[in-house]
Amino acid sequence: MQKPTQNDIELINTLFRIGAVAKATGIPVSTLRIWEVRHHAFSPSKTTGKHRLYSQMDVHKASLLKQLSRQGHAISTIAPLQVTALEKLQQSQEAPIAPPEAPGQAAGTVSLAVIGAGLANRVTSGKFMRPFLGSRLRVSDSFTDLAQADTAGFREPPQILLVRVNTLHDSVRSQIQELALNQGVAHTLVIYGFAQEAVVQSMRAAGTLVRRGPVSDFELSDLISSVLLVDTAKSLGVIHSDPLIPPRKYSDDTLSRVAGISSNMLCECPRHVAELIAQLASFEQYSQECLNKNEEDAHLHAHLHAISGSARALFERALEMVAQHENIPLI
C-alpha cells in the first residue's frame, strides 16, 4: 500500500473522500461514481494513490442533486449544471418538474413528444399501440423539426422526448438538451443520420439515448421500452422518486444461510430465491464495474445495472414473503 505524501495529508485535511461524502449526503458511493463518470457532475482531485477527494462545494452539489432528482428532475440534465444554477432551480417554482397526466389521460399512459417528419406516424401505428411494460403511448406533441418545436411550444410537458435529426452537431445537441431541460423531460431519445463522434459521446455521457439511423420499428420499440424500465420499477415501489437503486438488504452470508435451511415447501422456494438474489447482486456489481471501466458503453452498463438492481430488490421483497410464510429469520 502506497504511503501518503505530506501533500496528500494536507489535501485530505481540507477535502473529503467519497465515503465521507456518501455518509454526509446519504447517497451511495456507487451512485456518486455514476454521477461523476456518466454525468460529469464532479471533477474531484486525487491523491498520489488515486483516491478521489471532494470539496465542500462538491458535497453541497451532491445534496442539491439528490433533492432535485427526488422532485422529479432527470439527473442527466441537472448533473452538468453549476451549483448556482442548481440553487436557482431549487428555488424556482416555474417549470413543472414531474409532468402530470393530461386531462382525460388514462392511467398507465405514457406521453411522448415527437420531433421529426413522419416519426409521429410510426409511433402511432398499430405496432406501437401495444402495451409498453403495462403502459400505452400517447403522442402529446408532434413537430417536423427543432425550429418548429421552439416556435410553437409544447402543449404539455412530455415524459419522453423522441427526436430525429439528419445531422447532429454541437449546436443541435445544445438545442435538444435545453429543450428537454425546459420541459422537465424524464427521458430523451435521439436518432441521427450523421454526427461527430465527440458530440454523440457527450450526449450519451449526459444520459441521452442516442442511436444512428435508420432504426427499424422493432428497434425503436425496444428503445422506448428500455427507457420505461426505471419508471416501472418506481411504480412498483422498488425505485422511489429519486433514481437511486435501493442498497442490498441481505449479505451473501445471510443468503447462504437461508439457502441451506431445510424447508417444508416441496418447491424449495427459499433456496431458489436466495440463490437468485445472490446472482443478481453479483451481476449488479459486475455491470457497475463495467460502467467505470468502459466509458464508451456507459449507457448500456448503467441500464444493465439499473435492471439488475431493481430485479434484485424485487426478489428481496419476495424473499421476505417466503421467509414470513416459512418462519425463517432473515436477521
Protein backbone atom coordinates (compact mmCIF):
# COMPACT_ATOMS: atom_id res chain seq x y z
CA MET A 1 0.00 0.00 0.00
CA GLN A 2 1.44 3.38 -1.05
CA LYS A 3 2.34 5.70 1.83
CA PRO A 4 0.56 9.09 1.61
CA THR A 5 2.79 12.10 0.98
CA GLN A 6 2.72 15.31 3.03
CA ASN A 7 0.80 16.95 0.18
CA ASP A 8 -1.77 14.15 0.35
CA ILE A 9 -2.19 14.69 4.10
CA GLU A 10 -2.78 18.43 3.60
CA LEU A 11 -5.36 17.73 0.86
CA ILE A 12 -7.22 15.17 2.97
CA ASN A 13 -7.43 17.66 5.83
CA THR A 14 -9.38 20.13 3.64
CA LEU A 15 -11.23 17.74 1.30
CA PHE A 16 -13.47 14.71 1.67
CA ARG A 17 -13.11 11.14 0.47
CA ILE A 18 -16.03 9.56 -1.34
CA GLY A 19 -17.08 7.55 1.71
CA ALA A 20 -17.38 10.73 3.77
CA VAL A 21 -19.45 12.38 1.03
CA ALA A 22 -21.75 9.35 0.90
CA LYS A 23 -22.23 9.44 4.67
CA ALA A 24 -22.87 13.19 4.74
CA THR A 25 -25.40 13.19 1.90
CA GLY A 26 -26.97 9.74 2.20
CA ILE A 27 -26.06 8.97 -1.42
CA PRO A 28 -24.48 5.53 -2.03
CA VAL A 29 -20.84 5.52 -3.15
CA SER A 30 -21.82 3.63 -6.31
CA THR A 31 -24.30 6.38 -7.23
CA LEU A 32 -21.73 9.14 -6.66
CA ARG A 33 -19.36 7.34 -9.01
CA ILE A 34 -22.05 7.00 -11.68
CA TRP A 35 -22.89 10.70 -11.38
CA GLU A 36 -19.21 11.52 -11.82
CA VAL A 37 -18.32 9.10 -14.65
CA ARG A 38 -21.55 9.08 -16.61
CA HIS A 39 -22.99 12.53 -15.94
CA HIS A 40 -19.82 14.55 -15.17
CA ALA A 41 -21.33 16.00 -12.01
CA PHE A 42 -17.98 16.30 -10.22
CA SER A 43 -14.29 16.67 -11.05
CA PRO A 44 -12.64 15.60 -7.80
CA SER A 45 -8.94 15.99 -7.21
CA LYS A 46 -6.93 12.84 -6.49
CA THR A 47 -4.14 11.90 -4.14
CA THR A 48 -0.92 10.27 -5.25
CA GLY A 49 -2.62 6.96 -4.53
CA LYS A 50 -5.53 7.86 -6.87
CA HIS A 51 -8.08 8.39 -4.08
CA ARG A 52 -10.88 10.82 -5.00
CA LEU A 53 -11.09 13.95 -2.88
CA TYR A 54 -14.20 16.13 -2.96
CA SER A 55 -14.54 19.78 -1.95
CA GLN A 56 -17.20 21.24 0.35
CA MET A 57 -18.84 22.66 -2.78
CA ASP A 58 -18.99 19.12 -4.24
CA VAL A 59 -20.76 17.92 -1.09
CA HIS A 60 -23.23 20.78 -1.39
CA LYS A 61 -23.81 20.00 -5.08
CA ALA A 62 -24.40 16.32 -4.32
CA SER A 63 -27.07 17.28 -1.78
CA LEU A 64 -28.74 19.60 -4.31
CA LEU A 65 -28.71 16.89 -6.99
CA LYS A 66 -30.31 14.45 -4.58
CA GLN A 67 -33.05 16.91 -3.63
CA LEU A 68 -33.80 17.93 -7.22
CA SER A 69 -33.83 14.35 -8.50
CA ARG A 70 -36.32 13.46 -5.76
CA GLN A 71 -38.52 16.27 -7.06
CA GLY A 72 -38.54 14.65 -10.50
CA HIS A 73 -35.64 16.25 -12.38
CA ALA A 74 -33.65 13.88 -14.58
CA ILE A 75 -30.12 13.55 -13.21
CA SER A 76 -28.77 13.58 -16.77
CA THR A 77 -29.99 17.15 -17.27
CA ILE A 78 -29.09 18.67 -13.91
CA ALA A 79 -25.74 17.00 -13.14
CA PRO A 80 -23.67 19.22 -15.52
CA LEU A 81 -25.13 22.45 -14.04
CA GLN A 82 -23.16 24.69 -11.70
CA VAL A 83 -24.15 24.97 -8.04
CA THR A 84 -25.61 28.47 -8.50
CA ALA A 85 -27.86 27.19 -11.30
CA LEU A 86 -28.96 24.25 -9.15
CA GLU A 87 -29.79 26.58 -6.27
CA LYS A 88 -31.92 28.76 -8.57
CA LEU A 89 -33.61 25.68 -9.96
CA GLN A 90 -34.41 24.51 -6.44
CA GLN A 91 -35.94 27.86 -5.55
CA SER A 92 -37.83 28.26 -8.81
CA GLN A 93 -41.44 27.19 -9.00
CA GLU A 94 -41.84 27.97 -12.69
CA ALA A 95 -41.11 24.85 -14.72
CA PRO A 96 -43.16 21.75 -13.86
CA ILE A 97 -40.89 19.04 -12.62
CA ALA A 98 -42.89 15.83 -12.62
CA PRO A 99 -45.20 16.02 -15.63
CA PRO A 100 -48.81 15.45 -14.53
CA GLU A 101 -51.14 13.36 -16.56
CA ALA A 102 -53.05 15.40 -19.11
CA PRO A 103 -56.78 15.90 -18.61
CA GLY A 104 -58.59 12.80 -19.75
CA GLN A 105 -55.39 10.77 -19.91
CA ALA A 106 -55.92 7.22 -18.74
CA ALA A 107 -53.73 5.79 -16.01
CA GLY A 108 -50.82 3.82 -17.40
CA THR A 109 -50.46 6.10 -20.43
CA VAL A 110 -47.04 7.49 -21.35
CA SER A 111 -46.92 10.91 -23.03
CA LEU A 112 -44.46 11.20 -25.90
CA ALA A 113 -43.41 14.36 -27.76
CA VAL A 114 -42.02 13.67 -31.23
CA ILE A 115 -39.70 15.87 -33.30
CA GLY A 116 -39.03 14.70 -36.87
CA ALA A 117 -41.08 14.48 -40.05
CA GLY A 118 -43.04 11.24 -40.27
CA LEU A 119 -41.90 9.98 -36.88
CA ALA A 120 -45.27 10.51 -35.20
CA ASN A 121 -46.98 8.28 -37.77
CA ARG A 122 -44.60 5.44 -36.93
CA VAL A 123 -45.18 5.52 -33.18
CA THR A 124 -48.95 5.85 -33.54
CA SER A 125 -49.21 2.83 -35.83
CA GLY A 126 -50.81 -0.40 -34.64
CA LYS A 127 -47.40 -1.90 -33.94
CA PHE A 128 -46.64 0.77 -31.36
CA MET A 129 -50.08 0.74 -29.80
CA ARG A 130 -49.27 -2.49 -27.99
CA PRO A 131 -48.58 -2.09 -24.24
CA PHE A 132 -45.08 -0.96 -23.27
CA LEU A 133 -44.39 -2.59 -19.91
CA GLY A 134 -48.04 -2.15 -18.96
CA SER A 135 -48.33 1.37 -20.41
CA ARG A 136 -49.54 2.77 -23.71
CA LEU A 137 -48.03 5.57 -25.74
CA ARG A 138 -49.84 8.83 -26.38
CA VAL A 139 -48.27 11.44 -28.68
CA SER A 140 -48.78 14.73 -26.86
CA ASP A 141 -46.99 16.90 -29.45
CA SER A 142 -45.57 16.39 -32.92
CA PHE A 143 -43.17 18.75 -34.72
CA THR A 144 -41.40 18.46 -38.07
CA ASP A 145 -38.12 19.84 -36.69
CA LEU A 146 -36.47 21.54 -33.71
CA ALA A 147 -37.19 25.02 -35.06
CA GLN A 148 -40.93 24.35 -35.09
CA ALA A 149 -40.76 22.89 -31.59
CA ASP A 150 -39.04 26.06 -30.34
CA THR A 151 -41.52 28.35 -32.09
CA ALA A 152 -44.79 26.52 -31.45
CA GLY A 153 -44.01 25.29 -27.95
CA PHE A 154 -45.31 22.20 -26.14
CA ARG A 155 -48.93 21.81 -25.11
CA GLU A 156 -47.81 19.83 -22.06
CA PRO A 157 -44.54 18.52 -20.59
CA PRO A 158 -43.93 15.05 -22.11
CA GLN A 159 -42.49 12.11 -20.22
CA ILE A 160 -40.41 11.09 -23.24
CA LEU A 161 -38.89 13.30 -25.93
CA LEU A 162 -38.15 11.48 -29.20
CA VAL A 163 -36.06 13.44 -31.72
CA ARG A 164 -34.86 12.55 -35.21
CA VAL A 165 -32.30 14.80 -36.92
CA ASN A 166 -30.34 14.40 -40.13
CA THR A 167 -27.13 15.87 -38.68
CA LEU A 168 -26.16 16.02 -35.04
CA HIS A 169 -23.58 18.69 -34.24
CA ASP A 170 -22.83 20.63 -31.08
CA SER A 171 -25.42 23.37 -31.58
CA VAL A 172 -28.13 20.76 -32.19
CA ARG A 173 -27.02 18.90 -29.07
CA SER A 174 -27.34 22.10 -27.01
CA GLN A 175 -30.75 22.83 -28.51
CA ILE A 176 -32.07 19.36 -27.69
CA GLN A 177 -30.71 19.37 -24.14
CA GLU A 178 -32.05 22.85 -23.43
CA LEU A 179 -35.46 21.84 -24.78
CA ALA A 180 -35.51 18.73 -22.58
CA LEU A 181 -34.44 20.69 -19.50
CA ASN A 182 -37.02 23.45 -20.01
CA GLN A 183 -39.81 20.90 -20.45
CA GLY A 184 -38.75 18.74 -17.50
CA VAL A 185 -38.44 15.67 -19.74
CA ALA A 186 -37.57 12.47 -17.90
CA HIS A 187 -36.17 10.59 -20.92
CA THR A 188 -34.70 11.82 -24.22
CA LEU A 189 -34.11 9.58 -27.24
CA VAL A 190 -32.26 10.93 -30.28
CA ILE A 191 -31.95 9.25 -33.69
CA TYR A 192 -29.47 10.84 -36.10
CA GLY A 193 -28.17 10.36 -39.63
CA PHE A 194 -24.65 11.80 -39.35
CA ALA A 195 -22.75 13.17 -36.37
CA GLN A 196 -19.36 13.87 -34.88
CA GLU A 197 -18.34 11.11 -32.50
CA ALA A 198 -17.45 13.61 -29.78
CA VAL A 199 -20.99 15.03 -29.85
CA VAL A 200 -22.55 11.56 -29.66
CA GLN A 201 -20.35 10.61 -26.71
CA SER A 202 -21.18 13.89 -24.96
CA MET A 203 -24.91 13.22 -25.24
CA ARG A 204 -24.52 9.64 -24.04
CA ALA A 205 -22.47 10.83 -21.08
CA ALA A 206 -25.30 13.22 -20.23
CA GLY A 207 -27.74 10.30 -20.09
CA THR A 208 -29.41 10.70 -23.50
CA LEU A 209 -30.15 7.61 -25.58
CA VAL A 210 -28.52 8.18 -28.97
CA ARG A 211 -28.79 5.86 -31.98
CA ARG A 212 -27.71 6.21 -35.59
CA GLY A 213 -30.50 5.73 -38.11
CA PRO A 214 -32.13 4.18 -39.86
CA VAL A 215 -33.79 2.45 -36.90
CA SER A 216 -36.38 -0.23 -37.58
CA ASP A 217 -39.77 -0.22 -35.87
CA PHE A 218 -38.68 -3.19 -33.80
CA GLU A 219 -35.52 -1.40 -32.62
CA LEU A 220 -37.42 1.80 -31.89
CA SER A 221 -39.97 -0.15 -29.89
CA ASP A 222 -37.21 -1.76 -27.83
CA LEU A 223 -35.56 1.62 -27.18
CA ILE A 224 -38.80 3.12 -25.91
CA SER A 225 -39.38 0.07 -23.72
CA SER A 226 -35.88 0.36 -22.24
CA VAL A 227 -36.37 3.94 -21.03
CA LEU A 228 -39.60 2.91 -19.29
CA LEU A 229 -37.96 0.18 -17.19
CA VAL A 230 -36.88 2.53 -14.43
CA ASP A 231 -40.33 4.16 -14.38
CA THR A 232 -41.93 0.73 -14.00
CA ALA A 233 -39.63 -0.02 -11.07
CA LYS A 234 -40.69 3.29 -9.49
CA SER A 235 -44.37 2.42 -9.82
CA LEU A 236 -43.71 -0.89 -8.06
CA GLY A 237 -42.07 0.95 -5.19
CA VAL A 238 -38.63 -0.55 -5.87
CA ILE A 239 -37.14 2.73 -7.02
CA HIS A 240 -38.61 5.81 -5.39
CA SER A 241 -38.86 9.36 -6.74
CA ASP A 242 -35.10 9.61 -6.95
CA PRO A 243 -33.02 7.50 -9.34
CA LEU A 244 -31.05 5.76 -6.59
CA ILE A 245 -31.15 1.96 -6.68
CA PRO A 246 -32.01 0.54 -3.23
CA PRO A 247 -28.95 -0.89 -1.45
CA ARG A 248 -28.71 -4.59 -0.71
CA LYS A 249 -30.74 -5.76 2.27
CA TYR A 250 -29.06 -9.14 2.77
CA SER A 251 -25.42 -10.14 2.76
CA ASP A 252 -24.01 -13.18 0.98
CA ASP A 253 -23.69 -14.92 4.37
CA THR A 254 -27.40 -14.39 5.11
CA LEU A 255 -28.42 -15.62 1.67
CA SER A 256 -26.18 -18.65 2.01
CA ARG A 257 -27.71 -19.46 5.42
CA VAL A 258 -31.26 -19.15 4.07
CA ALA A 259 -30.42 -21.31 1.06
CA GLY A 260 -29.14 -24.02 3.39
CA ILE A 261 -32.22 -24.13 5.64
CA SER A 262 -34.46 -27.11 5.05
CA SER A 263 -37.98 -26.08 4.08
CA ASN A 264 -41.44 -27.60 4.28
CA MET A 265 -42.09 -26.28 0.79
CA LEU A 266 -41.56 -29.01 -1.77
CA CYS A 267 -40.50 -26.47 -4.44
CA GLU A 268 -37.64 -25.21 -2.22
CA CYS A 269 -38.55 -21.59 -2.86
CA PRO A 270 -36.36 -20.13 -0.07
CA ARG A 271 -33.24 -21.69 -1.57
CA HIS A 272 -34.07 -20.71 -5.14
CA VAL A 273 -34.99 -17.12 -4.27
CA ALA A 274 -31.88 -16.66 -2.11
CA GLU A 275 -29.67 -18.00 -4.91
CA LEU A 276 -31.33 -15.70 -7.46
CA ILE A 277 -30.71 -12.67 -5.23
CA ALA A 278 -27.05 -13.60 -4.87
CA GLN A 279 -26.68 -14.00 -8.65
CA LEU A 280 -28.44 -10.72 -9.39
CA ALA A 281 -26.31 -8.90 -6.80
CA SER A 282 -23.16 -10.29 -8.40
CA PHE A 283 -24.24 -9.16 -11.87
CA GLU A 284 -25.28 -5.78 -10.45
CA GLN A 285 -21.75 -5.27 -9.15
CA TYR A 286 -20.23 -6.60 -12.40
CA SER A 287 -22.24 -4.19 -14.58
CA GLN A 288 -21.30 -1.29 -12.33
CA GLU A 289 -17.60 -2.12 -12.66
CA CYS A 290 -18.00 -2.31 -16.43
CA LEU A 291 -19.52 1.17 -16.37
CA ASN A 292 -16.49 2.60 -14.62
CA LYS A 293 -14.02 0.84 -16.91
CA ASN A 294 -15.67 1.27 -20.30
CA GLU A 295 -16.87 4.82 -20.92
CA GLU A 296 -17.94 4.04 -24.49
CA ASP A 297 -20.55 1.55 -23.24
CA ALA A 298 -21.50 3.66 -20.22
CA HIS A 299 -25.20 3.88 -21.05
CA LEU A 300 -25.58 0.14 -21.69
CA HIS A 301 -23.86 -0.80 -18.45
CA ALA A 302 -25.82 1.78 -16.45
CA HIS A 303 -29.01 0.36 -17.92
CA LEU A 304 -27.97 -3.20 -17.00
CA HIS A 305 -27.01 -2.02 -13.54
CA ALA A 306 -30.44 -0.43 -13.04
CA ILE A 307 -32.27 -3.51 -14.30
CA SER A 308 -30.31 -5.97 -12.17
CA GLY A 309 -30.54 -3.73 -9.09
CA SER A 310 -34.30 -3.33 -9.49
CA ALA A 311 -34.75 -7.06 -10.06
CA ARG A 312 -32.62 -7.84 -7.01
CA ALA A 313 -34.78 -5.51 -4.88
CA LEU A 314 -37.96 -7.21 -6.16
CA PHE A 315 -36.63 -10.66 -5.25
CA GLU A 316 -35.57 -9.37 -1.82
CA ARG A 317 -39.21 -8.46 -1.27
CA ALA A 318 -40.20 -11.93 -2.49
CA LEU A 319 -37.71 -13.50 -0.06
CA GLU A 320 -39.30 -11.62 2.82
CA MET A 321 -42.72 -13.02 1.85
CA VAL A 322 -41.36 -16.56 1.62
CA ALA A 323 -39.43 -16.21 4.88
CA GLN A 324 -42.54 -14.97 6.69
CA HIS A 325 -44.55 -17.91 5.34
CA GLU A 326 -41.85 -20.40 6.38
CA ASN A 327 -40.94 -18.68 9.67
CA ILE A 328 -37.35 -18.24 8.50
CA PRO A 329 -35.38 -15.49 10.32
CA LEU A 330 -33.58 -13.11 7.94
CA ILE A 331 -31.58 -11.25 10.60
